[in-house]
C-alpha atoms as a PDB file:
ATOM      1  CA  MET A   1     -38.505   6.830   0.858  1.00  0.00           C
ATOM      2  CA  THR A   2     -40.620   3.819   0.187  1.00  0.00           C
ATOM      3  CA  ASP A   3     -41.513   0.641   2.293  1.00  0.00           C
ATOM      4  CA  ALA A   4     -39.927  -1.788  -0.737  1.00  0.00           C
ATOM      5  CA  THR A   5     -36.697   1.055  -0.685  1.00  0.00           C
ATOM      6  CA  THR A   6     -36.176   0.865   3.324  1.00  0.00           C
ATOM      7  CA  ARG A   7     -36.799  -2.908   3.216  1.00  0.00           C
ATOM      8  CA  ARG A   8     -34.049  -3.879   0.740  1.00  0.00           C
ATOM      9  CA  ALA A   9     -31.755  -1.102   2.697  1.00  0.00           C
ATOM     10  CA  LEU A  10     -32.578  -2.619   5.599  1.00  0.00           C
ATOM     11  CA  ALA A  11     -31.902  -6.357   4.571  1.00  0.00           C
ATOM     12  CA  GLY A  12     -28.780  -5.022   2.267  1.00  0.00           C
ATOM     13  CA  MET A  13     -27.022  -3.613   5.938  1.00  0.00           C
ATOM     14  CA  TYR A  14     -27.994  -6.321   8.291  1.00  0.00           C
ATOM     15  CA  ASP A  15     -26.772  -9.010   6.035  1.00  0.00           C
ATOM     16  CA  ARG A  16     -23.128  -7.160   6.720  1.00  0.00           C
ATOM     17  CA  VAL A  17     -23.655  -5.371  10.010  1.00  0.00           C
ATOM     18  CA  TRP A  18     -23.009  -8.666  12.213  1.00  0.00           C
ATOM     19  CA  ASP A  19     -19.757  -9.816  10.324  1.00  0.00           C
ATOM     20  CA  LEU A  20     -18.487  -6.824  10.851  1.00  0.00           C
ATOM     21  CA  HIS A  21     -18.388  -6.789  14.390  1.00  0.00           C
ATOM     22  CA  ALA A  22     -16.393 -10.207  14.529  1.00  0.00           C
ATOM     23  CA  PRO A  23     -12.676 -10.316  15.072  1.00  0.00           C
ATOM     24  CA  SER A  24     -11.888 -11.612  11.620  1.00  0.00           C
ATOM     25  CA  ALA A  25     -13.717  -9.117   9.728  1.00  0.00           C
ATOM     26  CA  LEU A  26     -11.636  -6.163   7.527  1.00  0.00           C
ATOM     27  CA  PRO A  27      -8.009  -8.104   8.772  1.00  0.00           C
ATOM     28  CA  LEU A  28      -6.299  -4.743   7.492  1.00  0.00           C
ATOM     29  CA  LEU A  29      -7.989  -2.666  10.211  1.00  0.00           C
ATOM     30  CA  ASP A  30      -6.173  -4.881  12.657  1.00  0.00           C
ATOM     31  CA  GLU A  31      -2.610  -3.860  11.146  1.00  0.00           C
ATOM     32  CA  PRO A  32      -0.676  -1.093  12.545  1.00  0.00           C
ATOM     33  CA  LEU A  33      -0.175   1.792  10.096  1.00  0.00           C
ATOM     34  CA  ALA A  34       2.899   2.804   9.389  1.00  0.00           C
ATOM     35  CA  CYS A  35       3.214   6.126  11.191  1.00  0.00           C
ATOM     36  CA  TYR A  36       5.890   8.525  11.942  1.00  0.00           C
ATOM     37  CA  PRO A  37       7.156   8.088  15.804  1.00  0.00           C
ATOM     38  CA  PRO A  38       7.652  10.913  18.118  1.00  0.00           C
ATOM     39  CA  GLU A  39      11.766  10.097  17.923  1.00  0.00           C
ATOM     40  CA  MET A  40      11.422  11.283  13.764  1.00  0.00           C
ATOM     41  CA  LEU A  41      11.913  15.283  15.904  1.00  0.00           C
ATOM     42  CA  PHE A  42      15.383  14.259  16.413  1.00  0.00           C
ATOM     43  CA  ASP A  43      15.739  12.676  13.120  1.00  0.00           C
ATOM     44  CA  ARG A  44      14.376  15.482  11.679  1.00  0.00           C
ATOM     45  CA  ALA A  45      17.478  17.813  14.093  1.00  0.00           C
ATOM     46  CA  ALA A  46      20.073  15.320  13.056  1.00  0.00           C
ATOM     47  CA  ALA A  47      19.171  16.330   9.350  1.00  0.00           C
ATOM     48  CA  LEU A  48      19.809  20.166   9.968  1.00  0.00           C
ATOM     49  CA  GLY A  49      23.394  19.659  10.929  1.00  0.00           C
ATOM     50  CA  ILE A  50      23.174  19.944  15.054  1.00  0.00           C
ATOM     51  CA  ASP A  51      26.549  18.831  16.505  1.00  0.00           C
ATOM     52  CA  ALA A  52      28.296  19.321  19.963  1.00  0.00           C
ATOM     53  CA  SER A  53      28.849  23.614  18.615  1.00  0.00           C
ATOM     54  CA  TRP A  54      25.261  24.137  18.519  1.00  0.00           C
ATOM     55  CA  LYS A  55      23.459  26.289  21.167  1.00  0.00           C
ATOM     56  CA  VAL A  56      19.898  25.428  21.165  1.00  0.00           C
ATOM     57  CA  LEU A  57      16.949  27.386  22.237  1.00  0.00           C
ATOM     58  CA  ASP A  58      14.256  24.626  23.942  1.00  0.00           C
ATOM     59  CA  ALA A  59      11.196  26.901  24.243  1.00  0.00           C
ATOM     60  CA  GLY A  60       8.863  25.417  25.959  1.00  0.00           C
ATOM     61  CA  CYS A  61      10.684  22.636  27.434  1.00  0.00           C
ATOM     62  CA  GLY A  62       8.138  20.869  29.488  1.00  0.00           C
ATOM     63  CA  ARG A  63       9.443  18.263  32.150  1.00  0.00           C
ATOM     64  CA  GLY A  64      12.593  18.350  30.014  1.00  0.00           C
ATOM     65  CA  ASP A  65      12.761  15.161  28.960  1.00  0.00           C
ATOM     66  CA  LYS A  66      13.396  16.360  25.150  1.00  0.00           C
ATOM     67  CA  THR A  67      16.133  18.527  25.892  1.00  0.00           C
ATOM     68  CA  VAL A  68      17.647  15.543  28.176  1.00  0.00           C
ATOM     69  CA  GLU A  69      17.484  13.759  24.545  1.00  0.00           C
ATOM     70  CA  LEU A  70      18.433  16.486  22.732  1.00  0.00           C
ATOM     71  CA  ALA A  71      21.469  17.222  24.656  1.00  0.00           C
ATOM     72  CA  SER A  72      22.597  13.587  24.994  1.00  0.00           C
ATOM     73  CA  ARG A  73      21.882  12.478  21.642  1.00  0.00           C
ATOM     74  CA  PHE A  74      23.653  15.579  19.843  1.00  0.00           C
ATOM     75  CA  GLY A  75      26.024  17.478  22.601  1.00  0.00           C
ATOM     76  CA  ALA A  76      25.062  20.757  22.097  1.00  0.00           C
ATOM     77  CA  SER A  77      24.357  23.452  24.436  1.00  0.00           C
ATOM     78  CA  ILE A  78      20.687  24.046  25.168  1.00  0.00           C
ATOM     79  CA  VAL A  79      18.999  26.860  27.187  1.00  0.00           C
ATOM     80  CA  ALA A  80      15.639  25.368  28.389  1.00  0.00           C
ATOM     81  CA  ILE A  81      12.342  27.379  29.201  1.00  0.00           C
ATOM     82  CA  ASP A  82       9.352  27.184  30.325  1.00  0.00           C
ATOM     83  CA  LEU A  83       6.674  29.752  32.450  1.00  0.00           C
ATOM     84  CA  LEU A  84       5.980  27.152  34.739  1.00  0.00           C
ATOM     85  CA  SER A  85       8.405  26.334  37.837  1.00  0.00           C
ATOM     86  CA  ALA A  86       6.916  22.872  38.650  1.00  0.00           C
ATOM     87  CA  ASN A  87       7.943  21.851  35.209  1.00  0.00           C
ATOM     88  CA  LEU A  88      11.802  22.842  35.280  1.00  0.00           C
ATOM     89  CA  GLU A  89      11.616  21.515  39.194  1.00  0.00           C
ATOM     90  CA  ARG A  90      10.742  17.925  37.464  1.00  0.00           C
ATOM     91  CA  ALA A  91      13.733  19.115  34.559  1.00  0.00           C
ATOM     92  CA  LYS A  92      15.825  19.993  37.548  1.00  0.00           C
ATOM     93  CA  GLY A  93      15.855  16.066  38.539  1.00  0.00           C
ATOM     94  CA  LEU A  94      16.289  14.462  34.918  1.00  0.00           C
ATOM     95  CA  VAL A  95      18.910  17.152  33.954  1.00  0.00           C
ATOM     96  CA  GLU A  96      21.063  15.759  37.095  1.00  0.00           C
ATOM     97  CA  GLU A  97      19.768  12.444  36.664  1.00  0.00           C
ATOM     98  CA  ALA A  98      21.813  12.227  33.105  1.00  0.00           C
ATOM     99  CA  GLY A  99      24.876  14.127  34.217  1.00  0.00           C
ATOM    100  CA  LEU A 100      23.952  17.073  32.023  1.00  0.00           C
ATOM    101  CA  GLY A 101      24.101  20.140  34.519  1.00  0.00           C
ATOM    102  CA  GLY A 102      27.215  21.137  32.185  1.00  0.00           C
ATOM    103  CA  ARG A 103      25.366  21.322  29.221  1.00  0.00           C
ATOM    104  CA  ILE A 104      21.595  22.864  30.011  1.00  0.00           C
ATOM    105  CA  ALA A 105      20.736  25.402  31.677  1.00  0.00           C
ATOM    106  CA  LEU A 106      17.397  25.903  32.977  1.00  0.00           C
ATOM    107  CA  CYS A 107      15.225  28.698  33.156  1.00  0.00           C
ATOM    108  CA  GLN A 108      11.617  30.368  33.853  1.00  0.00           C
ATOM    109  CA  GLY A 109      11.221  32.665  31.330  1.00  0.00           C
ATOM    110  CA  SER A 110       7.938  33.399  28.523  1.00  0.00           C
ATOM    111  CA  ILE A 111       8.494  32.733  24.843  1.00  0.00           C
ATOM    112  CA  ASN A 112       7.042  35.980  24.746  1.00  0.00           C
ATOM    113  CA  ALA A 113      10.225  37.819  26.140  1.00  0.00           C
ATOM    114  CA  LEU A 114      13.060  35.322  26.029  1.00  0.00           C
ATOM    115  CA  PRO A 115      16.092  35.351  27.853  1.00  0.00           C
ATOM    116  CA  ALA A 116      18.112  35.439  25.491  1.00  0.00           C
ATOM    117  CA  GLY A 117      20.280  38.049  23.183  1.00  0.00           C
ATOM    118  CA  ASN A 118      20.189  38.622  19.955  1.00  0.00           C
ATOM    119  CA  ASP A 119      21.327  36.713  16.808  1.00  0.00           C
ATOM    120  CA  THR A 120      22.448  33.419  20.182  1.00  0.00           C
ATOM    121  CA  PHE A 121      21.016  30.024  19.119  1.00  0.00           C
ATOM    122  CA  HIS A 122      21.172  27.947  16.033  1.00  0.00           C
ATOM    123  CA  LEU A 123      18.328  25.829  16.201  1.00  0.00           C
ATOM    124  CA  VAL A 124      15.022  26.935  18.197  1.00  0.00           C
ATOM    125  CA  TRP A 125      13.269  23.797  19.214  1.00  0.00           C
ATOM    126  CA  CYS A 126       9.321  24.072  19.708  1.00  0.00           C
ATOM    127  CA  ARG A 127       7.492  21.341  20.551  1.00  0.00           C
ATOM    128  CA  ASP A 128       3.546  21.388  20.880  1.00  0.00           C
ATOM    129  CA  MET A 129       3.839  24.263  22.927  1.00  0.00           C
ATOM    130  CA  LEU A 130       2.052  27.609  20.225  1.00  0.00           C
ATOM    131  CA  GLU A 131      -1.234  25.705  21.115  1.00  0.00           C
ATOM    132  CA  HIS A 132      -0.959  27.832  24.565  1.00  0.00           C
ATOM    133  CA  VAL A 133       0.525  30.819  23.385  1.00  0.00           C
ATOM    134  CA  ALA A 134      -1.369  34.289  23.857  1.00  0.00           C
ATOM    135  CA  HIS A 135       0.387  36.647  21.622  1.00  0.00           C
ATOM    136  CA  LEU A 136       1.439  34.295  19.164  1.00  0.00           C
ATOM    137  CA  PRO A 137       3.127  37.558  16.688  1.00  0.00           C
ATOM    138  CA  ALA A 138       5.319  38.430  19.685  1.00  0.00           C
ATOM    139  CA  ALA A 139       6.401  34.903  20.733  1.00  0.00           C
ATOM    140  CA  LEU A 140       7.276  34.110  17.253  1.00  0.00           C
ATOM    141  CA  ALA A 141       9.101  37.610  16.524  1.00  0.00           C
ATOM    142  CA  GLU A 142      11.061  36.332  19.603  1.00  0.00           C
ATOM    143  CA  CYS A 143      11.891  33.019  18.288  1.00  0.00           C
ATOM    144  CA  ARG A 144      13.113  34.763  15.164  1.00  0.00           C
ATOM    145  CA  ARG A 145      15.184  37.376  17.328  1.00  0.00           C
ATOM    146  CA  VAL A 146      17.230  35.174  19.115  1.00  0.00           C
ATOM    147  CA  LEU A 147      18.132  33.042  15.926  1.00  0.00           C
ATOM    148  CA  LYS A 148      21.792  33.431  14.088  1.00  0.00           C
ATOM    149  CA  PRO A 149      21.187  35.155  11.079  1.00  0.00           C
ATOM    150  CA  THR A 150      21.937  31.660   9.434  1.00  0.00           C
ATOM    151  CA  GLY A 151      19.687  29.859  12.534  1.00  0.00           C
ATOM    152  CA  GLN A 152      16.674  27.576  11.694  1.00  0.00           C
ATOM    153  CA  MET A 153      13.623  26.138  14.104  1.00  0.00           C
ATOM    154  CA  LEU A 154      11.825  23.218  14.436  1.00  0.00           C
ATOM    155  CA  LEU A 155       8.439  23.330  15.001  1.00  0.00           C
ATOM    156  CA  LEU A 156       5.963  20.867  16.392  1.00  0.00           C
ATOM    157  CA  SER A 157       2.001  22.179  16.750  1.00  0.00           C
ATOM    158  CA  ALA A 158      -1.403  20.896  16.627  1.00  0.00           C
ATOM    159  CA  PHE A 159      -4.209  22.175  14.444  1.00  0.00           C
ATOM    160  CA  ALA A 160      -7.852  21.758  13.950  1.00  0.00           C
ATOM    161  CA  THR A 161      -8.724  20.018  11.113  1.00  0.00           C
ATOM    162  CA  GLU A 162     -11.872  20.435   8.947  1.00  0.00           C
ATOM    163  CA  ARG A 163     -14.014  17.282  10.496  1.00  0.00           C
ATOM    164  CA  MET A 164     -13.695  18.903  14.194  1.00  0.00           C
ATOM    165  CA  PRO A 165     -16.598  20.851  14.580  1.00  0.00           C
ATOM    166  CA  PRO A 166     -16.746  24.100  16.429  1.00  0.00           C
ATOM    167  CA  GLN A 167     -19.178  22.975  19.435  1.00  0.00           C
ATOM    168  CA  GLU A 168     -16.221  20.294  20.239  1.00  0.00           C
ATOM    169  CA  LEU A 169     -13.167  22.368  19.957  1.00  0.00           C
ATOM    170  CA  ALA A 170     -14.428  24.713  22.638  1.00  0.00           C
ATOM    171  CA  PRO A 171     -14.988  22.429  25.612  1.00  0.00           C
ATOM    172  CA  LEU A 172     -11.224  21.424  24.924  1.00  0.00           C
ATOM    173  CA  CYS A 173      -9.955  25.411  25.091  1.00  0.00           C
ATOM    174  CA  GLY A 174     -10.449  26.311  28.545  1.00  0.00           C
ATOM    175  CA  PRO A 175      -9.509  22.853  30.517  1.00  0.00           C
ATOM    176  CA  LEU A 176      -6.609  22.358  28.098  1.00  0.00           C
ATOM    177  CA  CYS A 177      -5.529  26.179  28.083  1.00  0.00           C
ATOM    178  CA  LEU A 178      -5.566  25.792  24.354  1.00  0.00           C
ATOM    179  CA  VAL A 179      -5.471  29.488  22.608  1.00  0.00           C
ATOM    180  CA  ARG A 180      -8.861  28.784  19.982  1.00  0.00           C
ATOM    181  CA  GLU A 181      -6.968  30.692  17.418  1.00  0.00           C
ATOM    182  CA  ASN A 182      -3.609  28.945  17.196  1.00  0.00           C
ATOM    183  CA  LEU A 183      -5.564  25.926  16.406  1.00  0.00           C
ATOM    184  CA  ASN A 184      -6.239  27.338  12.860  1.00  0.00           C
ATOM    185  CA  GLN A 185      -3.422  26.793  10.725  1.00  0.00           C
ATOM    186  CA  ARG A 186      -3.640  29.262   7.790  1.00  0.00           C
ATOM    187  CA  ARG A 187      -3.298  31.753  11.223  1.00  0.00           C
ATOM    188  CA  VAL A 188      -0.222  30.294  12.436  1.00  0.00           C
ATOM    189  CA  GLU A 189       0.966  29.921   9.414  1.00  0.00           C
ATOM    190  CA  ALA A 190       0.527  33.980   8.287  1.00  0.00           C
ATOM    191  CA  ALA A 191       2.108  34.734  11.835  1.00  0.00           C
ATOM    192  CA  LEU A 192       5.298  32.850  11.494  1.00  0.00           C
ATOM    193  CA  THR A 193       5.943  34.724   7.569  1.00  0.00           C
ATOM    194  CA  GLY A 194       4.839  37.596   9.230  1.00  0.00           C
ATOM    195  CA  ALA A 195       7.431  37.282  11.942  1.00  0.00           C
ATOM    196  CA  GLY A 196       9.959  37.095   9.658  1.00  0.00           C
ATOM    197  CA  LEU A 197      10.553  33.567   9.721  1.00  0.00           C
ATOM    198  CA  THR A 198      10.664  31.289   5.952  1.00  0.00           C
ATOM    199  CA  ILE A 199       9.056  27.942   5.673  1.00  0.00           C
ATOM    200  CA  CYS A 200      11.404  25.566   4.585  1.00  0.00           C
ATOM    201  CA  GLU A 201       9.225  22.380   4.974  1.00  0.00           C
ATOM    202  CA  ARG A 202       6.289  21.275   6.615  1.00  0.00           C
ATOM    203  CA  LEU A 203       5.087  17.775   7.202  1.00  0.00           C
ATOM    204  CA  GLU A 204       1.698  16.417   7.853  1.00  0.00           C
ATOM    205  CA  VAL A 205       2.471  13.967  11.265  1.00  0.00           C
ATOM    206  CA  GLY A 206      -1.736  13.933  12.012  1.00  0.00           C
ATOM    207  CA  GLY A 207      -2.761  11.580  14.743  1.00  0.00           C
ATOM    208  CA  ASP A 208       0.727   9.432  13.989  1.00  0.00           C
ATOM    209  CA  PHE A 209       1.842   9.994  17.763  1.00  0.00           C
ATOM    210  CA  ALA A 210      -1.590   9.479  19.334  1.00  0.00           C
ATOM    211  CA  GLU A 211      -1.585   5.957  17.334  1.00  0.00           C
ATOM    212  CA  ILE A 212       1.815   4.503  18.391  1.00  0.00           C
ATOM    213  CA  PHE A 213       1.088   5.679  21.988  1.00  0.00           C
ATOM    214  CA  GLU A 214      -2.229   3.564  21.658  1.00  0.00           C
ATOM    215  CA  GLN A 215       0.293   0.976  20.294  1.00  0.00           C
ATOM    216  CA  ARG A 216       3.089   1.172  23.049  1.00  0.00           C
ATOM    217  CA  SER A 217       1.083   1.622  26.071  1.00  0.00           C
ATOM    218  CA  GLY A 218      -2.939   0.417  25.164  1.00  0.00           C
ATOM    219  CA  ASN A 219      -4.340   3.368  26.927  1.00  0.00           C
ATOM    220  CA  ALA A 220      -6.221   5.159  23.820  1.00  0.00           C
ATOM    221  CA  GLY A 221      -9.014   2.089  24.454  1.00  0.00           C
ATOM    222  CA  ARG A 222      -9.153   2.639  28.182  1.00  0.00           C
ATOM    223  CA  GLU A 223      -8.916   6.535  28.267  1.00  0.00           C
ATOM    224  CA  LEU A 224     -11.941   6.399  25.558  1.00  0.00           C
ATOM    225  CA  MET A 225     -14.070   4.236  28.535  1.00  0.00           C
ATOM    226  CA  ARG A 226     -13.141   7.238  31.066  1.00  0.00           C
ATOM    227  CA  LEU A 227     -14.577   9.703  28.544  1.00  0.00           C
ATOM    228  CA  SER A 228     -17.757   7.899  28.324  1.00  0.00           C
ATOM    229  CA  ARG A 229     -17.983   7.274  31.826  1.00  0.00           C
ATOM    230  CA  LEU A 230     -17.802  11.142  32.626  1.00  0.00           C
ATOM    231  CA  ILE A 231     -19.964  11.860  29.603  1.00  0.00           C
ATOM    232  CA  ARG A 232     -22.953   9.710  31.050  1.00  0.00           C
ATOM    233  CA  ARG A 233     -22.732   9.976  34.346  1.00  0.00           C
ATOM    234  CA  PRO A 234     -21.113  13.414  35.194  1.00  0.00           C
ATOM    235  CA  ALA A 235     -22.534  13.963  38.316  1.00  0.00           C
ATOM    236  CA  MET A 236     -21.269  11.169  39.698  1.00  0.00           C
ATOM    237  CA  PHE A 237     -17.741  11.686  38.955  1.00  0.00           C
ATOM    238  CA  GLU A 238     -17.837  15.282  39.793  1.00  0.00           C
ATOM    239  CA  ALA A 239     -19.247  14.592  43.330  1.00  0.00           C
ATOM    240  CA  ALA A 240     -16.431  12.391  43.682  1.00  0.00           C
ATOM    241  CA  TYR A 241     -13.412  14.484  41.876  1.00  0.00           C
ATOM    242  CA  GLY A 242     -14.552  17.765  41.703  1.00  0.00           C
ATOM    243  CA  ARG A 243     -15.765  19.331  38.704  1.00  0.00           C
ATOM    244  CA  GLU A 244     -12.736  21.058  37.277  1.00  0.00           C
ATOM    245  CA  THR A 245     -10.357  17.806  37.614  1.00  0.00           C
ATOM    246  CA  CYS A 246     -13.645  15.998  35.583  1.00  0.00           C
ATOM    247  CA  ASP A 247     -13.482  18.950  32.900  1.00  0.00           C
ATOM    248  CA  LEU A 248      -9.823  18.601  32.713  1.00  0.00           C
ATOM    249  CA  ALA A 249     -10.008  14.690  32.029  1.00  0.00           C
ATOM    250  CA  ALA A 250     -12.493  15.180  29.245  1.00  0.00           C
ATOM    251  CA  ALA A 251     -10.644  17.732  27.590  1.00  0.00           C
ATOM    252  CA  LEU A 252      -7.626  15.568  27.987  1.00  0.00           C
ATOM    253  CA  TYR A 253      -8.987  12.338  26.975  1.00  0.00           C
ATOM    254  CA  ALA A 254     -10.920  13.565  23.975  1.00  0.00           C
ATOM    255  CA  TRP A 255      -8.235  15.580  22.726  1.00  0.00           C
ATOM    256  CA  LEU A 256      -6.117  11.821  22.391  1.00  0.00           C
ATOM    257  CA  LEU A 257      -8.893  10.694  20.402  1.00  0.00           C
ATOM    258  CA  HIS A 258     -10.121  13.880  18.618  1.00  0.00           C
ATOM    259  CA  GLN A 259      -6.186  12.950  17.034  1.00  0.00           C
ATOM    260  CA  LEU A 260      -6.961   9.122  16.403  1.00  0.00           C
ATOM    261  CA  LEU A 261     -10.050  10.176  14.330  1.00  0.00           C
ATOM    262  CA  GLY A 262      -8.205  12.758  12.414  1.00  0.00           C
ATOM    263  CA  LYS A 263     -10.055  15.945  14.152  1.00  0.00           C
ATOM    264  CA  VAL A 264      -7.057  17.274  15.457  1.00  0.00           C
ATOM    265  CA  SER A 265      -3.544  16.565  13.440  1.00  0.00           C
ATOM    266  CA  PHE A 266       0.239  17.616  13.962  1.00  0.00           C
ATOM    267  CA  TRP A 267       2.344  19.561  11.721  1.00  0.00           C
ATOM    268  CA  LEU A 268       6.213  19.479  11.600  1.00  0.00           C
ATOM    269  CA  TYR A 269       7.790  22.767  10.360  1.00  0.00           C
ATOM    270  CA  HIS A 270      11.303  23.361   9.762  1.00  0.00           C
ATOM    271  CA  LEU A 271      12.161  26.936   9.102  1.00  0.00           C
ATOM    272  CA  ARG A 272      14.586  29.423   8.620  1.00  0.00           C
ATOM    273  CA  ARG A 273      15.152  32.956   9.787  1.00  0.00           C
ATOM    274  CA  GLY A 274      14.247  35.416   6.712  1.00  0.00           C
ATOM    275  CA  ALA A 275      16.428  38.195   5.155  1.00  0.00           C
END
């Protein structure tokens, strides 16, 4: 590149770049996108016909807030399982507060060995947890086993996109207990069909939930600054909080930002038990 070419390129860039910092620049970028809200998962469940006669398995219920919402909205009977007793203790408090102890049974267990008989559930609800499952084919086979012959499954899972460099993904997996292979969409879809589950519909949610989270809480900007400081002054914060806590915080904040940057994309699957 000659000096004249460089000069023209710089002039063209600097003619515009300072204006782009102005609040009035590119106003459409300040408008919220039309996003899928997290509540759309319940709308999808409603579209399947869920009602008070249904038995539902919440596989990986976490703190139980979605379990309580399912029971409150639809009156269904729910078995909620989680691997961690601490999660179930939190869920127990929510269930008791909502007065839903008669409809929700909390069980400690693994998706790889579900505490239920064959052909038990009308619906398996599995939200944002397959990323942590080490033995994916076995877990999905268990989901199929406990579904009734006409049973259905709603699955929300995250995948790394082509924008995600391997070197950026690696630091997330250890602290967030992510199974790297389960962030590969092709591999997961092959495991779904291999387990005898038919994919009826798949919908790319992308980073919409992360954008809604930012709109409602404003936390994404704060977490970006926290991540920036952790990266720029690691020794300072490790001395204050410890290496393990700092690694977890950095991975957690990066996970949200990767969703907003299109490097992690969530997909919603509607599945049926195959023949």
